Amino acid sequence: MTAFRQELEEICNEEWAKIKQGNFFRLAESDLTTELYIKAMVQVFHYTKNNAINQAAATFPEDHKKVGLLRFAMKHALEELGHENMVVRDLTSLGVDQEVFNTQPLPATEALNGYLDSVALRGGVIPRLGYSFWAEDSYEHLEGLLTACKTKLKLTDDQLTFFIAHAVIDEKHADDVNNAIDRWVETEEEKESVRQVARTSLFLTGQILECVAEQYLQDKPELRLTA
């Protein structure tokens, strides 16, 4: 691992540590319910459906001469297309009405989507690598949640395809992203843009989980947590 990617990993680990101290993970660790899981996965659907699109949009401001970088981004976008359907499949297996996917995203989810759209259109492919860096390689941080889904909710691997089958796909994507960072992120300005997007996009993802927890607790005030 290069020194820069090591630095990125440390930034992301710090953000994950903060996220895991929040209400969502505290609720999930104490008593994960099907309701909480469904609420979280609906938000995952709402931002995953945009990932391929904003990845492709990131090519718009790039120099046409950067053929390798453009090829990477376009190929990655194509391979991300439709991954939200894994969420649909998983929740449908629980008997969830598909109408739930027509609901409006929570505010933090809209904030993440808007931020990534802005990054793509203003900054291009390189800054967006900061998002891909952690999003393609986050499963170690979600291992406890996945275990709870299996032990507490009794979900099978076939009902957790977004986490399990998706992880296999993302293993290759993570390698591709790491190679792209090593090859094309050169200047200090470019490195700082990747750092900033990694930090901000992960922070906003944490806010999505906190919004989910707050929505859940509104329906169950007896569970409201204290610091």
Protein backbone atom coordinates (compact mmCIF):
# COMPACT_ATOMS: atom_id res chain seq x y z
CA MET A 1 0.00 0.00 0.00
CA THR A 2 1.31 3.44 -0.93
CA ALA A 3 1.79 6.13 1.70
CA PHE A 4 -1.13 8.11 0.24
CA ARG A 5 -3.55 5.19 0.32
CA GLN A 6 -2.43 4.43 3.87
CA GLU A 7 -3.31 8.00 4.76
CA LEU A 8 -6.72 7.63 3.09
CA GLU A 9 -7.38 4.45 5.02
CA GLU A 10 -6.58 6.18 8.30
CA ILE A 11 -8.95 9.04 7.43
CA CYS A 12 -11.73 6.57 6.64
CA ASN A 13 -11.08 4.48 9.76
CA GLU A 14 -11.41 7.63 11.87
CA GLU A 15 -14.76 8.44 10.25
CA TRP A 16 -15.99 4.86 10.66
CA ALA A 17 -15.07 4.97 14.34
CA LYS A 18 -17.30 8.03 14.75
CA ILE A 19 -20.14 6.40 12.83
CA LYS A 20 -19.98 3.29 15.02
CA GLN A 21 -20.43 5.46 18.11
CA GLY A 22 -23.72 6.81 16.75
CA ASN A 23 -27.28 5.77 17.51
CA PHE A 24 -27.70 3.50 14.50
CA PHE A 25 -24.89 1.15 15.42
CA ARG A 26 -25.81 1.31 19.10
CA LEU A 27 -29.36 0.24 18.22
CA ALA A 28 -28.17 -2.44 15.83
CA GLU A 29 -25.73 -3.89 18.35
CA SER A 30 -28.23 -3.86 21.22
CA ASP A 31 -31.29 -5.21 19.41
CA LEU A 32 -31.37 -5.14 15.62
CA THR A 33 -34.94 -5.39 14.35
CA THR A 34 -36.31 -6.11 10.90
CA GLU A 35 -37.88 -2.65 10.88
CA LEU A 36 -34.56 -0.90 11.49
CA TYR A 37 -32.84 -3.04 8.87
CA ILE A 38 -35.50 -2.27 6.26
CA LYS A 39 -35.37 1.47 6.93
CA ALA A 40 -31.60 1.46 6.47
CA MET A 41 -31.69 -0.60 3.29
CA VAL A 42 -34.28 1.64 1.67
CA GLN A 43 -31.82 4.52 2.05
CA VAL A 44 -29.03 2.32 0.67
CA PHE A 45 -31.27 1.79 -2.37
CA HIS A 46 -31.79 5.54 -2.77
CA TYR A 47 -28.09 6.35 -2.99
CA THR A 48 -26.91 3.19 -4.73
CA LYS A 49 -29.23 3.83 -7.68
CA ASN A 50 -27.30 7.07 -8.34
CA ASN A 51 -23.76 5.71 -8.06
CA ALA A 52 -23.37 4.57 -11.66
CA ILE A 53 -24.89 7.80 -12.93
CA ASN A 54 -22.68 10.19 -10.99
CA GLN A 55 -19.64 8.01 -11.79
CA ALA A 56 -20.43 8.44 -15.49
CA ALA A 57 -21.11 12.16 -14.99
CA ALA A 58 -17.63 12.55 -13.53
CA THR A 59 -16.21 12.06 -17.01
CA PHE A 60 -17.92 15.23 -18.27
CA PRO A 61 -15.31 17.79 -17.12
CA GLU A 62 -12.31 15.58 -17.94
CA ASP A 63 -9.83 16.20 -20.75
CA HIS A 64 -10.61 13.88 -23.68
CA LYS A 65 -6.89 13.09 -23.89
CA LYS A 66 -6.99 11.27 -20.53
CA VAL A 67 -8.15 8.11 -22.25
CA GLY A 68 -7.06 5.69 -19.51
CA LEU A 69 -8.79 7.65 -16.76
CA LEU A 70 -11.96 8.03 -18.83
CA ARG A 71 -11.99 4.36 -19.73
CA PHE A 72 -11.67 3.42 -16.05
CA ALA A 73 -14.57 5.69 -15.02
CA MET A 74 -16.89 4.60 -17.83
CA LYS A 75 -16.19 0.91 -17.27
CA HIS A 76 -16.69 1.32 -13.51
CA ALA A 77 -19.97 3.17 -14.08
CA LEU A 78 -21.27 0.42 -16.35
CA GLU A 79 -20.37 -2.26 -13.82
CA GLU A 80 -22.16 -0.36 -11.03
CA LEU A 81 -25.36 -0.03 -13.03
CA GLY A 82 -28.31 -1.82 -11.44
CA HIS A 83 -26.68 -2.74 -8.13
CA GLU A 84 -29.65 -1.20 -6.31
CA ASN A 85 -31.69 -4.15 -7.58
CA MET A 86 -29.87 -6.34 -5.07
CA VAL A 87 -31.52 -4.28 -2.32
CA VAL A 88 -34.90 -4.69 -4.01
CA ARG A 89 -34.37 -8.45 -4.22
CA ASP A 90 -33.26 -8.73 -0.59
CA LEU A 91 -36.19 -6.76 0.81
CA THR A 92 -38.72 -8.41 -1.48
CA SER A 93 -37.61 -11.75 -0.03
CA LEU A 94 -38.81 -10.42 3.35
CA GLY A 95 -42.22 -9.59 1.94
CA VAL A 96 -41.59 -5.84 1.76
CA ASP A 97 -43.95 -4.05 -0.62
CA GLN A 98 -41.94 -2.59 -3.52
CA GLU A 99 -43.87 0.66 -3.11
CA VAL A 100 -41.38 1.47 -0.33
CA PHE A 101 -38.79 2.24 -3.02
CA ASN A 102 -40.99 5.06 -4.30
CA THR A 103 -40.70 6.93 -1.00
CA GLN A 104 -38.63 10.10 -0.79
CA PRO A 105 -35.03 9.74 0.45
CA LEU A 106 -34.23 11.05 3.92
CA PRO A 107 -32.53 14.48 4.04
CA ALA A 108 -29.04 13.08 4.60
CA THR A 109 -29.46 10.70 1.67
CA GLU A 110 -30.41 13.57 -0.59
CA ALA A 111 -27.41 15.49 0.75
CA LEU A 112 -25.04 12.64 -0.17
CA ASN A 113 -26.56 12.28 -3.64
CA GLY A 114 -26.36 16.02 -4.26
CA TYR A 115 -22.80 16.20 -2.97
CA LEU A 116 -21.60 13.36 -5.23
CA ASP A 117 -23.35 14.91 -8.23
CA SER A 118 -21.57 18.17 -7.49
CA VAL A 119 -18.20 16.47 -7.04
CA ALA A 120 -18.63 14.65 -10.35
CA LEU A 121 -19.67 17.67 -12.39
CA ARG A 122 -17.28 20.17 -10.81
CA GLY A 123 -14.24 18.04 -10.05
CA GLY A 124 -14.35 15.07 -12.37
CA VAL A 125 -13.13 11.54 -11.89
CA ILE A 126 -10.18 12.10 -9.58
CA PRO A 127 -11.98 13.70 -6.60
CA ARG A 128 -14.73 11.09 -6.82
CA LEU A 129 -12.10 8.41 -6.23
CA GLY A 130 -12.27 9.48 -2.59
CA TYR A 131 -15.82 8.11 -2.41
CA SER A 132 -15.05 4.94 -4.34
CA PHE A 133 -12.00 4.28 -2.16
CA TRP A 134 -14.06 3.51 0.94
CA ALA A 135 -17.39 2.56 -0.65
CA GLU A 136 -15.84 -0.36 -2.53
CA ASP A 137 -14.05 -1.65 0.55
CA SER A 138 -16.27 -1.05 3.58
CA TYR A 139 -17.34 -4.59 4.41
CA GLU A 140 -14.92 -5.07 7.30
CA HIS A 141 -16.68 -2.19 9.05
CA LEU A 142 -20.09 -3.74 8.37
CA GLU A 143 -19.15 -7.23 9.50
CA GLY A 144 -20.86 -6.83 12.87
CA LEU A 145 -24.05 -5.61 11.23
CA LEU A 146 -24.00 -8.53 8.79
CA THR A 147 -23.54 -10.96 11.66
CA ALA A 148 -26.52 -9.41 13.47
CA CYS A 149 -28.64 -9.78 10.33
CA LYS A 150 -27.84 -13.49 10.28
CA THR A 151 -28.09 -14.22 14.00
CA LYS A 152 -30.84 -11.85 15.16
CA LEU A 153 -32.95 -11.54 12.04
CA LYS A 154 -32.20 -15.07 10.79
CA LEU A 155 -31.54 -13.84 7.26
CA THR A 156 -29.82 -16.20 4.85
CA ASP A 157 -27.05 -15.41 2.38
CA ASP A 158 -29.67 -15.40 -0.39
CA GLN A 159 -31.49 -12.62 1.47
CA LEU A 160 -28.31 -10.59 1.93
CA THR A 161 -27.06 -10.40 -1.63
CA PHE A 162 -26.27 -6.69 -1.41
CA PHE A 163 -23.71 -7.45 1.30
CA ILE A 164 -22.49 -10.88 0.24
CA ALA A 165 -22.67 -11.11 -3.56
CA HIS A 166 -21.93 -7.39 -3.84
CA ALA A 167 -18.79 -7.82 -1.73
CA VAL A 168 -17.37 -10.24 -4.30
CA ILE A 169 -17.94 -7.70 -7.10
CA ASP A 170 -16.53 -4.86 -5.01
CA GLU A 171 -13.33 -6.75 -4.27
CA LYS A 172 -12.31 -6.30 -7.91
CA HIS A 173 -13.63 -2.75 -7.95
CA ALA A 174 -11.54 -1.89 -4.89
CA ASP A 175 -8.42 -3.12 -6.68
CA ASP A 176 -9.35 -1.05 -9.74
CA VAL A 177 -9.87 2.06 -7.62
CA ASN A 178 -6.58 1.56 -5.77
CA ASN A 179 -4.77 1.19 -9.09
CA ALA A 180 -6.47 4.32 -10.41
CA ILE A 181 -5.39 6.31 -7.34
CA ASP A 182 -1.81 5.09 -7.69
CA ARG A 183 -1.71 5.89 -11.39
CA TRP A 184 -3.59 9.16 -11.77
CA VAL A 185 -3.60 11.01 -8.44
CA GLU A 186 -0.31 12.86 -8.64
CA THR A 187 -0.33 16.45 -7.41
CA GLU A 188 -0.90 17.59 -3.84
CA GLU A 189 -4.03 19.42 -5.00
CA GLU A 190 -5.42 16.19 -6.46
CA LYS A 191 -4.56 14.27 -3.29
CA GLU A 192 -6.30 16.86 -1.14
CA SER A 193 -9.43 16.65 -3.30
CA VAL A 194 -9.50 12.86 -2.84
CA ARG A 195 -9.00 13.21 0.92
CA GLN A 196 -11.81 15.75 1.17
CA VAL A 197 -14.30 13.67 -0.78
CA ALA A 198 -13.43 10.53 1.18
CA ARG A 199 -13.95 12.33 4.48
CA THR A 200 -17.10 14.21 3.48
CA SER A 201 -18.88 11.37 1.68
CA LEU A 202 -18.27 9.00 4.60
CA PHE A 203 -19.45 11.65 7.07
CA LEU A 204 -22.67 12.08 5.07
CA THR A 205 -23.16 8.31 4.97
CA GLY A 206 -22.92 8.33 8.75
CA GLN A 207 -25.57 11.02 8.81
CA ILE A 208 -27.85 8.81 6.73
CA LEU A 209 -27.60 6.09 9.37
CA GLU A 210 -28.31 8.64 12.09
CA CYS A 211 -31.38 9.84 10.18
CA VAL A 212 -32.55 6.23 9.94
CA ALA A 213 -32.06 5.78 13.69
CA GLU A 214 -33.94 9.01 14.44
CA GLN A 215 -36.84 7.99 12.21
CA TYR A 216 -36.94 4.59 13.92
CA LEU A 217 -36.84 6.11 17.39
CA GLN A 218 -39.70 8.48 16.59
CA ASP A 219 -41.88 5.41 16.29
CA LYS A 220 -40.40 3.79 19.40
CA PRO A 221 -39.73 6.57 21.97
CA GLU A 222 -39.21 3.99 24.71
CA LEU A 223 -35.96 3.00 22.97
CA ARG A 224 -34.53 6.51 22.78
CA LEU A 225 -30.88 6.35 23.74
CA THR A 226 -29.04 8.65 26.06
CA ALA A 227 -25.36 9.55 25.75
